[in-house]
N, C-alpha and C. Protein backbone atom coordinates (compact mmCIF):
# COMPACT_ATOMS: atom_id res chain seq x y z
N THR A 1 110.57 90.11 95.26
CA THR A 1 111.03 91.50 95.01
C THR A 1 109.95 92.27 94.27
N ILE A 2 109.87 93.56 94.54
CA ILE A 2 108.86 94.40 93.90
C ILE A 2 109.52 95.26 92.82
N ASP A 3 109.07 95.07 91.60
CA ASP A 3 109.63 95.85 90.49
C ASP A 3 108.92 97.19 90.43
N THR A 4 109.65 98.27 90.69
CA THR A 4 109.03 99.60 90.72
C THR A 4 109.18 100.32 89.39
N THR A 5 109.66 99.60 88.38
CA THR A 5 109.85 100.23 87.07
C THR A 5 108.50 100.42 86.38
N ASN A 6 108.24 101.64 85.95
CA ASN A 6 106.99 101.95 85.26
C ASN A 6 105.78 101.55 86.10
N ARG A 7 105.84 101.85 87.39
CA ARG A 7 104.72 101.52 88.27
C ARG A 7 104.24 102.78 88.96
N LEU A 8 102.93 102.88 89.12
CA LEU A 8 102.39 104.03 89.84
C LEU A 8 102.67 103.87 91.32
N PRO A 9 102.96 104.97 92.00
CA PRO A 9 103.22 104.92 93.44
C PRO A 9 102.08 104.20 94.17
N GLU A 10 100.87 104.43 93.73
CA GLU A 10 99.72 103.78 94.35
C GLU A 10 99.83 102.27 94.24
N GLU A 11 100.22 101.81 93.05
CA GLU A 11 100.34 100.37 92.84
C GLU A 11 101.41 99.79 93.75
N ILE A 12 102.51 100.51 93.85
CA ILE A 12 103.62 100.05 94.70
C ILE A 12 103.18 99.98 96.15
N ILE A 13 102.50 101.02 96.61
CA ILE A 13 102.03 101.06 98.00
C ILE A 13 101.07 99.90 98.25
N ASN A 14 100.15 99.70 97.34
CA ASN A 14 99.18 98.61 97.49
C ASN A 14 99.89 97.27 97.57
N GLU A 15 100.90 97.11 96.72
CA GLU A 15 101.64 95.85 96.72
C GLU A 15 102.33 95.63 98.06
N ILE A 16 102.94 96.68 98.58
CA ILE A 16 103.63 96.58 99.87
C ILE A 16 102.62 96.25 100.98
N LEU A 17 101.46 96.90 100.94
CA LEU A 17 100.45 96.65 101.96
C LEU A 17 100.00 95.19 101.90
N GLN A 18 99.85 94.67 100.71
CA GLN A 18 99.45 93.28 100.55
C GLN A 18 100.51 92.36 101.14
N GLN A 19 101.76 92.69 100.92
CA GLN A 19 102.86 91.88 101.44
C GLN A 19 102.82 91.88 102.97
N LEU A 20 102.52 93.04 103.54
CA LEU A 20 102.50 93.15 104.99
C LEU A 20 101.32 92.38 105.58
N LYS A 21 100.20 92.34 104.86
CA LYS A 21 99.02 91.65 105.35
C LYS A 21 99.28 90.15 105.43
N GLU A 22 100.10 89.63 104.56
CA GLU A 22 100.42 88.21 104.58
C GLU A 22 101.40 87.96 105.71
């Protein structure tokens, strides 16, 4: 799960992209 609390949108997007790459 991705915790979006106190996270920059950029960080969240990057995390999602990394998840998709795997």
